[in-house]
Structures are given as structure tokens and as C-alpha cells.
């Protein structure tokens, strides 16, 4: 906006300020309360649907399947977890057998090297 000279000889901005009517405080409170209530109701509907085990509709499932890499990644992770569980079980079994065999060998070595009555371990 162009500057215009004021009565004091200095330039001033040519800006007109119009008063604006403010909404009544009660109206804001009512509108905010309605907004919060609507938001809460939507959240409660979503939570109730989740809690009841409602499945997503077919369109959502199709979009998620087409767009999301998570199902494939989850399937891969589950197969890796199953493989690791199998390896862990096999390793646990092997370790237990190896430990028992080594225990027996150690007992035999000690018994052979110690003169006198047999050594018992508890």
C-alpha cells in the first residue's frame, strides 16, 4: 500500500482497520464440545469394531493387499522365525547330549586318575 503523509508530515501506511465481530464465547465452547464429542464417538466406534473382531471390508483388504508390502514381509519373517526355532531346538538337543557325554567322560577321566575308592558326583 502506498504511504501517505500524515498531519505531522511523516508518511503513514494507508491501512484501514475494520472492527470484527467476535463469536460469543459460549458458541465457541458449544462448537468445541460438539467437535470433541464427534471425535470421541468416532474413536469409540473404531475401538468397538476392533474389540469385537470386525474384519475390514473387501475393498480395504484388496487395497491393502495390492499396496502394502507388509503381508509378504510378515510371511517371510514368520518362515524365518519357524526355521530359527527348529534350528534352536536341534541345537539345544545336540548341546544337551554333548554336555552329558562330556560329563560322563570327565567322570571317567577323574575316576581313572584318582587312586582309591570311586568318585561319585552329585
PDB file of N, CA and C in Angstrom:
ATOM      1  N   UNK A   1       0.845  -1.173   0.000  1.00  0.00           N
ATOM      2  CA  UNK A   1       0.000   0.000   0.000  1.00  0.00           C
ATOM      3  C   UNK A   1       0.891   1.238   0.000  1.00  0.00           C
ATOM      4  N   UNK A   2       0.452   2.243  -0.697  1.00  0.00           N
ATOM      5  CA  UNK A   2       1.285   3.452  -0.756  1.00  0.00           C
ATOM      6  C   UNK A   2       1.272   4.191   0.569  1.00  0.00           C
ATOM      7  N   UNK A   3       2.399   4.784   0.863  1.00  0.00           N
ATOM      8  CA  UNK A   3       2.499   5.590   2.087  1.00  0.00           C
ATOM      9  C   UNK A   3       1.913   6.958   1.817  1.00  0.00           C
ATOM     10  N   UNK A   4       1.155   7.467   2.749  1.00  0.00           N
ATOM     11  CA  UNK A   4       0.562   8.807   2.603  1.00  0.00           C
ATOM     12  C   UNK A   4       1.059   9.678   3.738  1.00  0.00           C
ATOM     13  N   UNK A   5       1.257  10.956   3.471  1.00  0.00           N
ATOM     14  CA  UNK A   5       1.748  11.819   4.553  1.00  0.00           C
ATOM     15  C   UNK A   5       0.676  12.002   5.621  1.00  0.00           C
ATOM     16  N   UNK A   6       1.119  11.997   6.854  1.00  0.00           N
ATOM     17  CA  UNK A   6       0.195  12.234   7.973  1.00  0.00           C
ATOM     18  C   UNK A   6       0.165  13.721   8.287  1.00  0.00           C
ATOM     19  N   UNK A   7      -0.676  14.103   9.223  1.00  0.00           N
ATOM     20  CA  UNK A   7      -0.785  15.522   9.579  1.00  0.00           C
ATOM     21  C   UNK A   7       0.503  16.047  10.187  1.00  0.00           C
ATOM     22  N   UNK A   8       1.333  15.145  10.726  1.00  0.00           N
ATOM     23  CA  UNK A   8       2.595  15.595  11.318  1.00  0.00           C
ATOM     24  C   UNK A   8       3.698  15.704  10.277  1.00  0.00           C
ATOM     25  N   UNK A   9       3.373  15.387   9.022  1.00  0.00           N
ATOM     26  CA  UNK A   9       4.366  15.496   7.974  1.00  0.00           C
ATOM     27  C   UNK A   9       5.114  14.199   7.725  1.00  0.00           C
ATOM     28  N   UNK A  10       4.885  13.194   8.544  1.00  0.00           N
ATOM     29  CA  UNK A  10       5.545  11.904   8.332  1.00  0.00           C
ATOM     30  C   UNK A  10       4.647  11.028   7.473  1.00  0.00           C
ATOM     31  N   UNK A  11       5.246  10.081   6.767  1.00  0.00           N
ATOM     32  CA  UNK A  11       4.423   9.192   5.952  1.00  0.00           C
ATOM     33  C   UNK A  11       3.811   8.104   6.833  1.00  0.00           C
ATOM     34  N   UNK A  12       2.634   7.690   6.472  1.00  0.00           N
ATOM     35  CA  UNK A  12       1.941   6.628   7.205  1.00  0.00           C
ATOM     36  C   UNK A  12       1.334   5.674   6.191  1.00  0.00           C
ATOM     37  N   UNK A  13       1.193   4.431   6.551  1.00  0.00           N
ATOM     38  CA  UNK A  13       0.569   3.456   5.652  1.00  0.00           C
ATOM     39  C   UNK A  13      -0.913   3.754   5.535  1.00  0.00           C
ATOM     40  N   UNK A  14      -1.424   3.575   4.347  1.00  0.00           N
ATOM     41  CA  UNK A  14      -2.840   3.805   4.090  1.00  0.00           C
ATOM     42  C   UNK A  14      -3.591   2.503   4.364  1.00  0.00           C
ATOM     43  N   UNK A  15      -3.733   2.141   5.617  1.00  0.00           N
ATOM     44  CA  UNK A  15      -4.371   0.889   6.011  1.00  0.00           C
ATOM     45  C   UNK A  15      -5.613   1.222   6.814  1.00  0.00           C
ATOM     46  N   UNK A  16      -6.710   0.624   6.408  1.00  0.00           N
ATOM     47  CA  UNK A  16      -7.954   0.835   7.134  1.00  0.00           C
ATOM     48  C   UNK A  16      -8.234  -0.407   7.976  1.00  0.00           C
ATOM     49  N   UNK A  17      -8.444  -0.209   9.239  1.00  0.00           N
ATOM     50  CA  UNK A  17      -8.723  -1.322  10.145  1.00  0.00           C
ATOM     51  C   UNK A  17     -10.205  -1.305  10.465  1.00  0.00           C
ATOM     52  N   UNK A  18     -10.863  -2.400  10.151  1.00  0.00           N
ATOM     53  CA  UNK A  18     -12.293  -2.503  10.431  1.00  0.00           C
ATOM     54  C   UNK A  18     -12.481  -3.405  11.647  1.00  0.00           C
ATOM     55  N   UNK A  19     -13.364  -3.042  12.528  1.00  0.00           N
ATOM     56  CA  UNK A  19     -13.622  -3.918  13.672  1.00  0.00           C
ATOM     57  C   UNK A  19     -14.286  -5.211  13.204  1.00  0.00           C
ATOM     58  N   UNK A  20     -13.945  -6.292  13.860  1.00  0.00           N
ATOM     59  CA  UNK A  20     -14.501  -7.590  13.503  1.00  0.00           C
ATOM     60  C   UNK A  20     -15.288  -8.122  14.687  1.00  0.00           C
ATOM     61  N   UNK A  21     -16.453  -8.608  14.391  1.00  0.00           N
ATOM     62  CA  UNK A  21     -17.311  -9.149  15.435  1.00  0.00           C
ATOM     63  C   UNK A  21     -16.768 -10.520  15.844  1.00  0.00           C
ATOM     64  N   UNK A  22     -16.530 -10.714  17.108  1.00  0.00           N
ATOM     65  CA  UNK A  22     -16.040 -11.994  17.607  1.00  0.00           C
ATOM     66  C   UNK A  22     -17.218 -12.888  17.960  1.00  0.00           C
ATOM     67  N   UNK A  23     -17.025 -14.173  17.789  1.00  0.00           N
ATOM     68  CA  UNK A  23     -18.074 -15.121  18.159  1.00  0.00           C
ATOM     69  C   UNK A  23     -18.222 -15.120  19.674  1.00  0.00           C
ATOM     70  N   UNK A  24     -19.432 -15.341  20.104  1.00  0.00           N
ATOM     71  CA  UNK A  24     -19.668 -15.383  21.548  1.00  0.00           C
ATOM     72  C   UNK A  24     -18.894 -16.542  22.149  1.00  0.00           C
ATOM     73  N   UNK A  25     -18.384 -16.360  23.332  1.00  0.00           N
ATOM     74  CA  UNK A  25     -17.567 -17.384  23.975  1.00  0.00           C
ATOM     75  C   UNK A  25     -18.344 -18.680  24.144  1.00  0.00           C
ATOM     76  N   UNK A  26     -19.597 -18.577  24.481  1.00  0.00           N
ATOM     77  CA  UNK A  26     -20.419 -19.775  24.655  1.00  0.00           C
ATOM     78  C   UNK A  26     -20.560 -20.556  23.366  1.00  0.00           C
ATOM     79  N   UNK A  27     -20.656 -19.847  22.230  1.00  0.00           N
ATOM     80  CA  UNK A  27     -20.785 -20.528  20.943  1.00  0.00           C
ATOM     81  C   UNK A  27     -19.522 -21.324  20.637  1.00  0.00           C
ATOM     82  N   UNK A  28     -18.364 -20.737  20.921  1.00  0.00           N
ATOM     83  CA  UNK A  28     -17.114 -21.472  20.715  1.00  0.00           C
ATOM     84  C   UNK A  28     -17.080 -22.717  21.584  1.00  0.00           C
ATOM     85  N   UNK A  29     -17.479 -22.570  22.821  1.00  0.00           N
ATOM     86  CA  UNK A  29     -17.453 -23.705  23.747  1.00  0.00           C
ATOM     87  C   UNK A  29     -18.368 -24.813  23.257  1.00  0.00           C
ATOM     88  N   UNK A  30     -19.561 -24.456  22.794  1.00  0.00           N
ATOM     89  CA  UNK A  30     -20.510 -25.458  22.302  1.00  0.00           C
ATOM     90  C   UNK A  30     -19.954 -26.139  21.054  1.00  0.00           C
ATOM     91  N   UNK A  31     -19.394 -25.349  20.138  1.00  0.00           N
ATOM     92  CA  UNK A  31     -18.839 -25.930  18.912  1.00  0.00           C
ATOM     93  C   UNK A  31     -17.668 -26.853  19.228  1.00  0.00           C
ATOM     94  N   UNK A  32     -16.817 -26.430  20.143  1.00  0.00           N
ATOM     95  CA  UNK A  32     -15.678 -27.270  20.522  1.00  0.00           C
ATOM     96  C   UNK A  32     -16.152 -28.548  21.201  1.00  0.00           C
ATOM     97  N   UNK A  33     -17.139 -28.430  22.063  1.00  0.00           N
ATOM     98  CA  UNK A  33     -17.664 -29.617  22.747  1.00  0.00           C
ATOM     99  C   UNK A  33     -18.264 -30.588  21.742  1.00  0.00           C
ATOM    100  N   UNK A  34     -18.974 -30.067  20.745  1.00  0.00           N
ATOM    101  CA  UNK A  34     -19.556 -30.932  19.715  1.00  0.00           C
ATOM    102  C   UNK A  34     -18.465 -31.611  18.905  1.00  0.00           C
ATOM    103  N   UNK A  35     -17.411 -30.873  18.589  1.00  0.00           N
ATOM    104  CA  UNK A  35     -16.299 -31.440  17.830  1.00  0.00           C
ATOM    105  C   UNK A  35     -15.604 -32.548  18.608  1.00  0.00           C
ATOM    106  N   UNK A  36     -15.363 -32.298  19.891  1.00  0.00           N
ATOM    107  CA  UNK A  36     -14.725 -33.313  20.737  1.00  0.00           C
ATOM    108  C   UNK A  36     -15.626 -34.526  20.866  1.00  0.00           C
ATOM    109  N   UNK A  37     -16.930 -34.304  21.030  1.00  0.00           N
ATOM    110  CA  UNK A  37     -17.868 -35.422  21.156  1.00  0.00           C
ATOM    111  C   UNK A  37     -17.884 -36.261  19.885  1.00  0.00           C
ATOM    112  N   UNK A  38     -17.874 -35.605  18.720  1.00  0.00           N
ATOM    113  CA  UNK A  38     -17.874 -36.339  17.454  1.00  0.00           C
ATOM    114  C   UNK A  38     -16.591 -37.141  17.292  1.00  0.00           C
ATOM    115  N   UNK A  39     -15.483 -36.537  17.639  1.00  0.00           N
ATOM    116  CA  UNK A  39     -14.202 -37.234  17.548  1.00  0.00           C
ATOM    117  C   UNK A  39     -14.165 -38.435  18.484  1.00  0.00           C
ATOM    118  N   UNK A  40     -14.645 -38.233  19.697  1.00  0.00           N
ATOM    119  CA  UNK A  40     -14.669 -39.323  20.679  1.00  0.00           C
ATOM    120  C   UNK A  40     -15.581 -40.444  20.213  1.00  0.00           C
ATOM    121  N   UNK A  41     -16.734 -40.080  19.652  1.00  0.00           N
ATOM    122  CA  UNK A  41     -17.661 -41.100  19.159  1.00  0.00           C
ATOM    123  C   UNK A  41     -17.019 -41.915  18.043  1.00  0.00           C
ATOM    124  N   UNK A  42     -16.313 -41.242  17.143  1.00  0.00           N
ATOM    125  CA  UNK A  42     -15.636 -41.960  16.062  1.00  0.00           C
ATOM    126  C   UNK A  42     -14.572 -42.899  16.588  1.00  0.00           C
ATOM    127  N   UNK A  43     -13.832 -42.443  17.575  1.00  0.00           N
ATOM    128  CA  UNK A  43     -12.803 -43.289  18.186  1.00  0.00           C
ATOM    129  C   UNK A  43     -13.433 -44.492  18.868  1.00  0.00           C
ATOM    130  N   UNK A  44     -14.548 -44.256  19.555  1.00  0.00           N
ATOM    131  CA  UNK A  44     -15.209 -45.355  20.262  1.00  0.00           C
ATOM    132  C   UNK A  44     -15.763 -46.384  19.287  1.00  0.00           C
ATOM    133  N   UNK A  45     -16.288 -45.933  18.146  1.00  0.00           N
ATOM    134  CA  UNK A  45     -16.793 -46.863  17.137  1.00  0.00           C
ATOM    135  C   UNK A  45     -15.642 -47.715  16.606  1.00  0.00           C
ATOM    136  N   UNK A  46     -14.515 -47.065  16.319  1.00  0.00           N
ATOM    137  CA  UNK A  46     -13.350 -47.811  15.837  1.00  0.00           C
ATOM    138  C   UNK A  46     -12.839 -48.796  16.865  1.00  0.00           C
ATOM    139  N   UNK A  47     -12.787 -48.374  18.120  1.00  0.00           N
ATOM    140  CA  UNK A  47     -12.319 -49.260  19.188  1.00  0.00           C
ATOM    141  C   UNK A  47     -13.276 -50.425  19.381  1.00  0.00           C
ATOM    142  N   UNK A  48     -14.576 -50.158  19.311  1.00  0.00           N
ATOM    143  CA  UNK A  48     -15.563 -51.230  19.469  1.00  0.00           C
ATOM    144  C   UNK A  48     -15.450 -52.237  18.331  1.00  0.00           C
ATOM    145  N   UNK A  49     -15.245 -51.739  17.118  1.00  0.00           N
ATOM    146  CA  UNK A  49     -15.098 -52.641  15.975  1.00  0.00           C
ATOM    147  C   UNK A  49     -13.853 -53.500  16.127  1.00  0.00           C
ATOM    148  N   UNK A  50     -12.776 -52.884  16.582  1.00  0.00           N
ATOM    149  CA  UNK A  50     -11.536 -53.636  16.786  1.00  0.00           C
ATOM    150  C   UNK A  50     -11.716 -54.678  17.881  1.00  0.00           C
ATOM    151  N   UNK A  51     -12.339 -54.278  18.975  1.00  0.00           N
ATOM    152  CA  UNK A  51     -12.524 -55.191  20.103  1.00  0.00           C
ATOM    153  C   UNK A  51     -13.429 -56.356  19.736  1.00  0.00           C
ATOM    154  N   UNK A  52     -14.420 -56.121  18.872  1.00  0.00           N
ATOM    155  CA  UNK A  52     -15.345 -57.194  18.516  1.00  0.00           C
ATOM    156  C   UNK A  52     -14.785 -58.089  17.420  1.00  0.00           C
ATOM    157  N   UNK A  53     -13.636 -57.727  16.887  1.00  0.00           N
ATOM    158  CA  UNK A  53     -13.014 -58.567  15.867  1.00  0.00           C
ATOM    159  C   UNK A  53     -13.596 -58.371  14.483  1.00  0.00           C
ATOM    160  N   UNK A  54     -14.244 -57.244  14.243  1.00  0.00           N
ATOM    161  CA  UNK A  54     -14.816 -56.986  12.925  1.00  0.00           C
ATOM    162  C   UNK A  54     -13.685 -56.880  11.911  1.00  0.00           C
ATOM    163  N   UNK A  55     -13.790 -57.635  10.851  1.00  0.00           N
ATOM    164  CA  UNK A  55     -12.763 -57.615   9.811  1.00  0.00           C
ATOM    165  C   UNK A  55     -12.991 -56.421   8.885  1.00  0.00           C
ATOM    166  N   UNK A  56     -11.943 -55.918   8.253  1.00  0.00           N
ATOM    167  CA  UNK A  56     -12.119 -54.821   7.303  1.00  0.00           C
ATOM    168  C   UNK A  56     -12.918 -55.288   6.090  1.00  0.00           C
ATOM    169  N   UNK A  57     -13.552 -54.366   5.411  1.00  0.00           N
ATOM    170  CA  UNK A  57     -14.352 -54.757   4.249  1.00  0.00           C
ATOM    171  C   UNK A  57     -13.443 -55.193   3.102  1.00  0.00           C
ATOM    172  N   UNK A  58     -14.053 -55.777   2.087  1.00  0.00           N
ATOM    173  CA  UNK A  58     -13.288 -56.367   0.983  1.00  0.00           C
ATOM    174  C   UNK A  58     -12.470 -55.331   0.221  1.00  0.00           C
ATOM    175  N   UNK A  59     -12.998 -54.133   0.073  1.00  0.00           N
ATOM    176  CA  UNK A  59     -12.262 -53.089  -0.652  1.00  0.00           C
ATOM    177  C   UNK A  59     -10.983 -52.734   0.099  1.00  0.00           C
ATOM    178  N   UNK A  60     -11.090 -52.562   1.419  1.00  0.00           N
ATOM    179  CA  UNK A  60      -9.905 -52.244   2.222  1.00  0.00           C
ATOM    180  C   UNK A  60      -8.872 -53.367   2.131  1.00  0.00           C
ATOM    181  N   UNK A  61      -9.347 -54.596   2.192  1.00  0.00           N
ATOM    182  CA  UNK A  61      -8.430 -55.735   2.111  1.00  0.00           C
ATOM    183  C   UNK A  61      -7.727 -55.750   0.757  1.00  0.00           C
ATOM    184  N   UNK A  62      -8.480 -55.508  -0.315  1.00  0.00           N
ATOM    185  CA  UNK A  62      -7.885 -55.519  -1.655  1.00  0.00           C
ATOM    186  C   UNK A  62      -6.847 -54.411  -1.806  1.00  0.00           C
ATOM    187  N   UNK A  63      -7.171 -53.226  -1.312  1.00  0.00           N
ATOM    188  CA  UNK A  63      -6.222 -52.110  -1.408  1.00  0.00           C
ATOM    189  C   UNK A  63      -4.978 -52.404  -0.583  1.00  0.00           C
ATOM    190  N   UNK A  64      -5.171 -52.888   0.630  1.00  0.00           N
ATOM    191  CA  UNK A  64      -4.033 -53.197   1.495  1.00  0.00           C
ATOM    192  C   UNK A  64      -3.158 -54.274   0.869  1.00  0.00           C
ATOM    193  N   UNK A  65      -3.791 -55.296   0.314  1.00  0.00           N
ATOM    194  CA  UNK A  65      -3.038 -56.384  -0.311  1.00  0.00           C
ATOM    195  C   UNK A  65      -2.243 -55.883  -1.510  1.00  0.00           C
ATOM    196  N   UNK A  66      -2.865 -55.034  -2.313  1.00  0.00           N
ATOM    197  CA  UNK A  66      -2.192 -54.539  -3.514  1.00  0.00           C
ATOM    198  C   UNK A  66      -1.092 -53.536  -3.200  1.00  0.00           C
ATOM    199  N   UNK A  67      -1.284 -52.727  -2.186  1.00  0.00           N
ATOM    200  CA  UNK A  67      -0.376 -51.615  -1.935  1.00  0.00           C
ATOM    201  C   UNK A  67       0.667 -51.878  -0.850  1.00  0.00           C
ATOM    202  N   UNK A  68       0.381 -52.762   0.064  1.00  0.00           N
ATOM    203  CA  UNK A  68       1.252 -52.903   1.226  1.00  0.00           C
ATOM    204  C   UNK A  68       2.223 -54.068   1.084  1.00  0.00           C
ATOM    205  N   UNK A  69       3.494 -53.845   1.378  1.00  0.00           N
ATOM    206  CA  UNK A  69       4.462 -54.941   1.366  1.00  0.00           C
ATOM    207  C   UNK A  69       4.439 -55.744   2.668  1.00  0.00           C
ATOM    208  N   UNK A  70       3.678 -55.280   3.668  1.00  0.00           N
ATOM    209  CA  UNK A  70       3.731 -55.921   4.982  1.00  0.00           C
ATOM    210  C   UNK A  70       3.282 -57.375   4.997  1.00  0.00           C
ATOM    211  N   UNK A  71       2.210 -57.777   4.288  1.00  0.00           N
ATOM    212  CA  UNK A  71       1.838 -59.197   4.350  1.00  0.00           C
ATOM    213  C   UNK A  71       2.955 -60.121   3.873  1.00  0.00           C
ATOM    214  N   UNK A  72       3.611 -59.749   2.773  1.00  0.00           N
ATOM    215  CA  UNK A  72       4.705 -60.581   2.265  1.00  0.00           C
ATOM    216  C   UNK A  72       5.883 -60.578   3.233  1.00  0.00           C
ATOM    217  N   UNK A  73       6.189 -59.416   3.786  1.00  0.00           N
ATOM    218  CA  UNK A  73       7.294 -59.336   4.739  1.00  0.00           C
ATOM    219  C   UNK A  73       6.983 -60.124   6.009  1.00  0.00           C
ATOM    220  N   UNK A  74       5.734 -60.073   6.440  1.00  0.00           N
ATOM    221  CA  UNK A  74       5.360 -60.827   7.640  1.00  0.00           C
ATOM    222  C   UNK A  74       5.462 -62.327   7.387  1.00  0.00           C
ATOM    223  N   UNK A  75       5.010 -62.778   6.212  1.00  0.00           N
ATOM    224  CA  UNK A  75       5.106 -64.195   5.877  1.00  0.00           C
ATOM    225  C   UNK A  75       6.568 -64.641   5.852  1.00  0.00           C
ATOM    226  N   UNK A  76       7.440 -63.808   5.276  1.00  0.00           N
ATOM    227  CA  UNK A  76       8.868 -64.124   5.250  1.00  0.00           C
ATOM    228  C   UNK A  76       9.423 -64.199   6.663  1.00  0.00           C
ATOM    229  N   UNK A  77       9.059 -63.225   7.505  1.00  0.00           N
ATOM    230  CA  UNK A  77       9.541 -63.205   8.885  1.00  0.00           C
ATOM    231  C   UNK A  77       9.067 -64.442   9.644  1.00  0.00           C
ATOM    232  N   UNK A  78       7.806 -64.824   9.436  1.00  0.00           N
ATOM    233  CA  UNK A  78       7.281 -65.997  10.137  1.00  0.00           C
ATOM    234  C   UNK A  78       7.999 -67.272   9.696  1.00  0.00           C
ATOM    235  N   UNK A  79       8.320 -67.377   8.406  1.00  0.00           N
ATOM    236  CA  UNK A  79       9.046 -68.567   7.948  1.00  0.00           C
ATOM    237  C   UNK A  79      10.463 -68.587   8.522  1.00  0.00           C
ATOM    238  N   UNK A  80      11.103 -67.402   8.600  1.00  0.00           N
ATOM    239  CA  UNK A  80      12.435 -67.333   9.204  1.00  0.00           C
ATOM    240  C   UNK A  80      12.377 -67.665  10.695  1.00  0.00           C
ATOM    241  N   UNK A  81      11.341 -67.194  11.370  1.00  0.00           N
ATOM    242  CA  UNK A  81      11.200 -67.484  12.797  1.00  0.00           C
ATOM    243  C   UNK A  81      11.001 -68.980  13.022  1.00  0.00           C
ATOM    244  N   UNK A  82      10.209 -69.624  12.167  1.00  0.00           N
ATOM    245  CA  UNK A  82       9.987 -71.067  12.294  1.00  0.00           C
ATOM    246  C   UNK A  82      11.287 -71.833  12.053  1.00  0.00           C
ATOM    247  N   UNK A  83      12.056 -71.396  11.053  1.00  0.00           N
ATOM    248  CA  UNK A  83      13.339 -72.050  10.768  1.00  0.00           C
ATOM    249  C   UNK A  83      14.309 -71.892  11.943  1.00  0.00           C
ATOM    250  N   UNK A  84      14.366 -70.687  12.499  1.00  0.00           N
ATOM    251  CA  UNK A  84      15.249 -70.459  13.651  1.00  0.00           C
ATOM    252  C   UNK A  84      14.807 -71.262  14.870  1.00  0.00           C
ATOM    253  N   UNK A  85      13.508 -71.390  15.062  1.00  0.00           N
ATOM    254  CA  UNK A  85      13.008 -72.190  16.185  1.00  0.00           C
ATOM    255  C   UNK A  85      13.410 -73.649  16.019  1.00  0.00           C
ATOM    256  N   UNK A  86      13.334 -74.148  14.784  1.00  0.00           N
ATOM    257  CA  UNK A  86      13.735 -75.526  14.512  1.00  0.00           C
ATOM    258  C   UNK A  86      15.235 -75.716  14.753  1.00  0.00           C
ATOM    259  N   UNK A  87      16.036 -74.765  14.277  1.00  0.00           N
ATOM    260  CA  UNK A  87      17.485 -74.839  14.493  1.00  0.00           C
ATOM    261  C   UNK A  87      17.826 -74.770  15.978  1.00  0.00           C
ATOM    262  N   UNK A  88      17.117 -73.915  16.704  1.00  0.00           N
ATOM    263  CA  UNK A  88      17.370 -73.773  18.138  1.00  0.00           C
ATOM    264  C   UNK A  88      17.045 -75.064  18.869  1.00  0.00           C
ATOM    265  N   UNK A  89      15.921 -75.680  18.511  1.00  0.00           N
ATOM    266  CA  UNK A  89      15.540 -76.938  19.160  1.00  0.00           C
ATOM    267  C   UNK A  89      16.578 -78.024  18.875  1.00  0.00           C
ATOM    268  N   UNK A  90      17.039 -78.101  17.621  1.00  0.00           N
ATOM    269  CA  UNK A  90      18.049 -79.102  17.268  1.00  0.00           C
ATOM    270  C   UNK A  90      19.356 -78.828  17.995  1.00  0.00           C
ATOM    271  N   UNK A  91      19.748 -77.561  18.071  1.00  0.00           N
ATOM    272  CA  UNK A  91      20.988 -77.196  18.760  1.00  0.00           C
ATOM    273  C   UNK A  91      20.887 -77.489  20.247  1.00  0.00           C
ATOM    274  N   UNK A  92      19.738 -77.185  20.844  1.00  0.00           N
ATOM    275  CA  UNK A  92      19.546 -77.475  22.270  1.00  0.00           C
ATOM    276  C   UNK A  92      19.700 -78.960  22.545  1.00  0.00           C
ATOM    277  N   UNK A  93      19.103 -79.776  21.683  1.00  0.00           N
ATOM    278  CA  UNK A  93      19.179 -81.226  21.857  1.00  0.00           C
ATOM    279  C   UNK A  93      20.620 -81.709  21.715  1.00  0.00           C
ATOM    280  N   UNK A  94      21.315 -81.202  20.696  1.00  0.00           N
ATOM    281  CA  UNK A  94      22.713 -81.585  20.474  1.00  0.00           C
ATOM    282  C   UNK A  94      23.593 -81.143  21.635  1.00  0.00           C
ATOM    283  N   UNK A  95      23.383 -79.915  22.109  1.00  0.00           N
ATOM    284  CA  UNK A  95      24.184 -79.399  23.223  1.00  0.00           C
ATOM    285  C   UNK A  95      23.963 -80.223  24.485  1.00  0.00           C
ATOM    286  N   UNK A  96      22.717 -80.579  24.741  1.00  0.00           N
ATOM    287  CA  UNK A  96      22.419 -81.376  25.937  1.00  0.00           C
ATOM    288  C   UNK A  96      23.098 -82.739  25.847  1.00  0.00           C
ATOM    289  N   UNK A  97      23.018 -83.370  24.684  1.00  0.00           N
ATOM    290  CA  UNK A  97      23.645 -84.683  24.517  1.00  0.00           C
ATOM    291  C   UNK A  97      25.162 -84.572  24.634  1.00  0.00           C
ATOM    292  N   UNK A  98      25.741 -83.544  24.037  1.00  0.00           N
ATOM    293  CA  UNK A  98      27.190 -83.344  24.104  1.00  0.00           C
ATOM    294  C   UNK A  98      27.636 -83.094  25.536  1.00  0.00           C
ATOM    295  N   UNK A  99      26.879 -82.281  26.263  1.00  0.00           N
ATOM    296  CA  UNK A  99      27.226 -81.986  27.658  1.00  0.00           C
ATOM    297  C   UNK A  99      27.164 -83.243  28.512  1.00  0.00           C
ATOM    298  N   UNK A 100      26.134 -84.053  28.314  1.00  0.00           N
ATOM    299  CA  UNK A 100      26.011 -85.302  29.078  1.00  0.00           C
ATOM    300  C   UNK A 100      27.180 -86.244  28.762  1.00  0.00           C
ATOM    301  N   UNK A 101      27.512 -86.366  27.488  1.00  0.00           N
ATOM    302  CA  UNK A 101      28.613 -87.256  27.100  1.00  0.00           C
ATOM    303  C   UNK A 101      29.932 -86.753  27.675  1.00  0.00           C
ATOM    304  N   UNK A 102      30.157 -85.454  27.618  1.00  0.00           N
ATOM    305  CA  UNK A 102      31.388 -84.885  28.165  1.00  0.00           C
ATOM    306  C   UNK A 102      31.446 -85.069  29.674  1.00  0.00           C
ATOM    307  N   UNK A 103      30.293 -84.924  30.323  1.00  0.00           N
ATOM    308  CA  UNK A 103      30.215 -85.144  31.770  1.00  0.00           C
ATOM    309  C   UNK A 103      30.645 -86.570  32.133  1.00  0.00           C
ATOM    310  N   UNK A 104      30.125 -87.519  31.376  1.00  0.00           N
ATOM    311  CA  UNK A 104      30.481 -88.922  31.639  1.00  0.00           C
ATOM    312  C   UNK A 104      31.972 -89.152  31.399  1.00  0.00           C
ATOM    313  N   UNK A 105      32.488 -88.565  30.322  1.00  0.00           N
ATOM    314  CA  UNK A 105      33.920 -88.722  30.021  1.00  0.00           C
ATOM    315  C   UNK A 105      34.775 -88.099  31.116  1.00  0.00           C
ATOM    316  N   UNK A 106      34.387 -86.898  31.575  1.00  0.00           N
ATOM    317  CA  UNK A 106      35.136 -86.248  32.651  1.00  0.00           C
ATOM    318  C   UNK A 106      35.113 -87.088  33.919  1.00  0.00           C
ATOM    319  N   UNK A 107      33.950 -87.657  34.217  1.00  0.00           N
ATOM    320  CA  UNK A 107      33.851 -88.529  35.393  1.00  0.00           C
ATOM    321  C   UNK A 107      34.755 -89.743  35.269  1.00  0.00           C
ATOM    322  N   UNK A 108      34.800 -90.332  34.078  1.00  0.00           N
ATOM    323  CA  UNK A 108      35.661 -91.498  33.855  1.00  0.00           C
ATOM    324  C   UNK A 108      37.130 -91.113  33.959  1.00  0.00           C
ATOM    325  N   UNK A 109      37.499 -89.948  33.410  1.00  0.00           N
ATOM    326  CA  UNK A 109      38.891 -89.489  33.492  1.00  0.00           C
ATOM    327  C   UNK A 109      39.309 -89.262  34.942  1.00  0.00           C
ATOM    328  N   UNK A 110      38.428 -88.637  35.708  1.00  0.00           N
ATOM    329  CA  UNK A 110      38.746 -88.378  37.117  1.00  0.00           C
ATOM    330  C   UNK A 110      38.864 -89.687  37.880  1.00  0.00           C
ATOM    331  N   UNK A 111      37.934 -90.616  37.631  1.00  0.00           N
ATOM    332  CA  UNK A 111      37.966 -91.900  38.328  1.00  0.00           C
ATOM    333  C   UNK A 111      39.241 -92.667  37.987  1.00  0.00           C
ATOM    334  N   UNK A 112      39.687 -92.572  36.751  1.00  0.00           N
ATOM    335  CA  UNK A 112      40.888 -93.299  36.340  1.00  0.00           C
ATOM    336  C   UNK A 112      42.150 -92.673  36.918  1.00  0.00           C
ATOM    337  N   UNK A 113      42.135 -91.371  37.147  1.00  0.00           N
ATOM    338  CA  UNK A 113      43.349 -90.715  37.619  1.00  0.00           C
ATOM    339  C   UNK A 113      43.453 -90.658  39.135  1.00  0.00           C
ATOM    340  N   UNK A 114      42.395 -90.914  39.841  1.00  0.00           N
ATOM    341  CA  UNK A 114      42.406 -90.830  41.302  1.00  0.00           C
ATOM    342  C   UNK A 114      42.503 -92.239  41.868  1.00  0.00           C
ATOM    343  N   UNK A 115      43.512 -92.450  42.705  1.00  0.00           N
ATOM    344  CA  UNK A 115      43.642 -93.768  43.343  1.00  0.00           C
ATOM    345  C   UNK A 115      42.684 -93.834  44.521  1.00  0.00           C
ATOM    346  N   UNK A 116      42.145 -94.965  44.748  1.00  0.00           N
ATOM    347  CA  UNK A 116      41.264 -95.127  45.893  1.00  0.00           C
ATOM    348  C   UNK A 116      39.850 -95.473  45.446  1.00  0.00           C
ATOM    349  N   UNK A 117      38.926 -95.245  46.366  1.00  0.00           N
ATOM    350  CA  UNK A 117      37.535 -95.624  46.052  1.00  0.00           C
ATOM    351  C   UNK A 117      36.977 -94.762  44.903  1.00  0.00           C
ATOM    352  N   UNK A 118      35.935 -95.240  44.246  1.00  0.00           N
ATOM    353  CA  UNK A 118      35.364 -94.499  43.119  1.00  0.00           C
ATOM    354  C   UNK A 118      34.845 -93.113  43.551  1.00  0.00           C
ATOM    355  N   UNK A 119      34.906 -92.190  42.625  1.00  0.00           N
ATOM    356  CA  UNK A 119      34.439 -90.823  42.891  1.00  0.00           C
ATOM    357  C   UNK A 119      33.000 -90.709  42.398  1.00  0.00           C
ATOM    358  N   UNK A 120      32.167 -90.202  43.263  1.00  0.00           N
ATOM    359  CA  UNK A 120      30.757 -90.012  42.889  1.00  0.00           C
ATOM    360  C   UNK A 120      30.480 -88.519  42.736  1.00  0.00           C
ATOM    361  N   UNK A 121      29.705 -88.219  41.746  1.00  0.00           N
ATOM    362  CA  UNK A 121      29.313 -86.813  41.590  1.00  0.00           C
ATOM    363  C   UNK A 121      27.815 -86.693  41.818  1.00  0.00           C
ATOM    364  N   UNK A 122      27.450 -85.582  42.348  1.00  0.00           N
ATOM    365  CA  UNK A 122      26.036 -85.373  42.655  1.00  0.00           C
ATOM    366  C   UNK A 122      25.438 -84.471  41.618  1.00  0.00           C
TER     367      UNK A 122
END
